[in-house]
């Protein structure tokens, strides 16, 4: 029991660190650890994803408030994109409840691989550029796609919103800041859907104890890292982001 507690709190700290640095970390970090140490039975993956999304609700809400106070949020990039993300999230979460675990893993790995290659090959992500507006088509079609894929795969969506905003010319610091409010609708909608799926012990899709332990690690870490993190050069930040995607892909494949 003590080992399980230590593991969950420790990975909560890691989730908090990646949330501050890259705008994501919930699904990538918490789903595997909850699945490995806290979930069991035929609904184990759904319980792990539901717990992860519930944790992301708290982390994303806190991150959104902090970024708002810092002045880095820009309404024209957050809205109406967030609304379309929420619509897509509802569709993706509903589809995921009927999808086999094997399919989710394969699609997740394929998506990560394509994102990594696209970030390295196409101009815009590593070098940045001049900020440009999203446009109605990008906000609507892009938002629904982001929400559906993120919710279906059990991640917050920032793994897609950061590259999108980066290619629109935003500095990495601002793209990461925008990832928090854009992840919030995915987390809220996905949690609501997974709460309707019974867990092995009769609960409704969220392991409250595991979630509390993860938050016990992530919330203090987020607060400390935000205060102590030095300025990270834009290109270094972008390269590190791609590096974390590579680590996530390796973890999924292994």
Foldseek 3Di string as FASTA:
>chain_A
DVVLLVQLLVLLQVQLVCCQLQVWRQQLRQQVSCLVRPADDPCSSLLSLLQSLVLLLVVLVVLLVVLVVVVLDDDLLQPPLLVLLLQLLLQQLVVLVPDDPVVLLVVVLVVLVVLLVCCVPDPQQLPAAAADGCDDCCSNVVSSVLNNNCNNNSIQSLSPQLSSRRSNRDFSNSSSSSSSSSSNSNSVSNNVSQQCPAGPVRGRSYDVVSSVSSCSNNVVSNVVCVVPPDDDDRNNSSVVNSVVSVVSSVVSVD
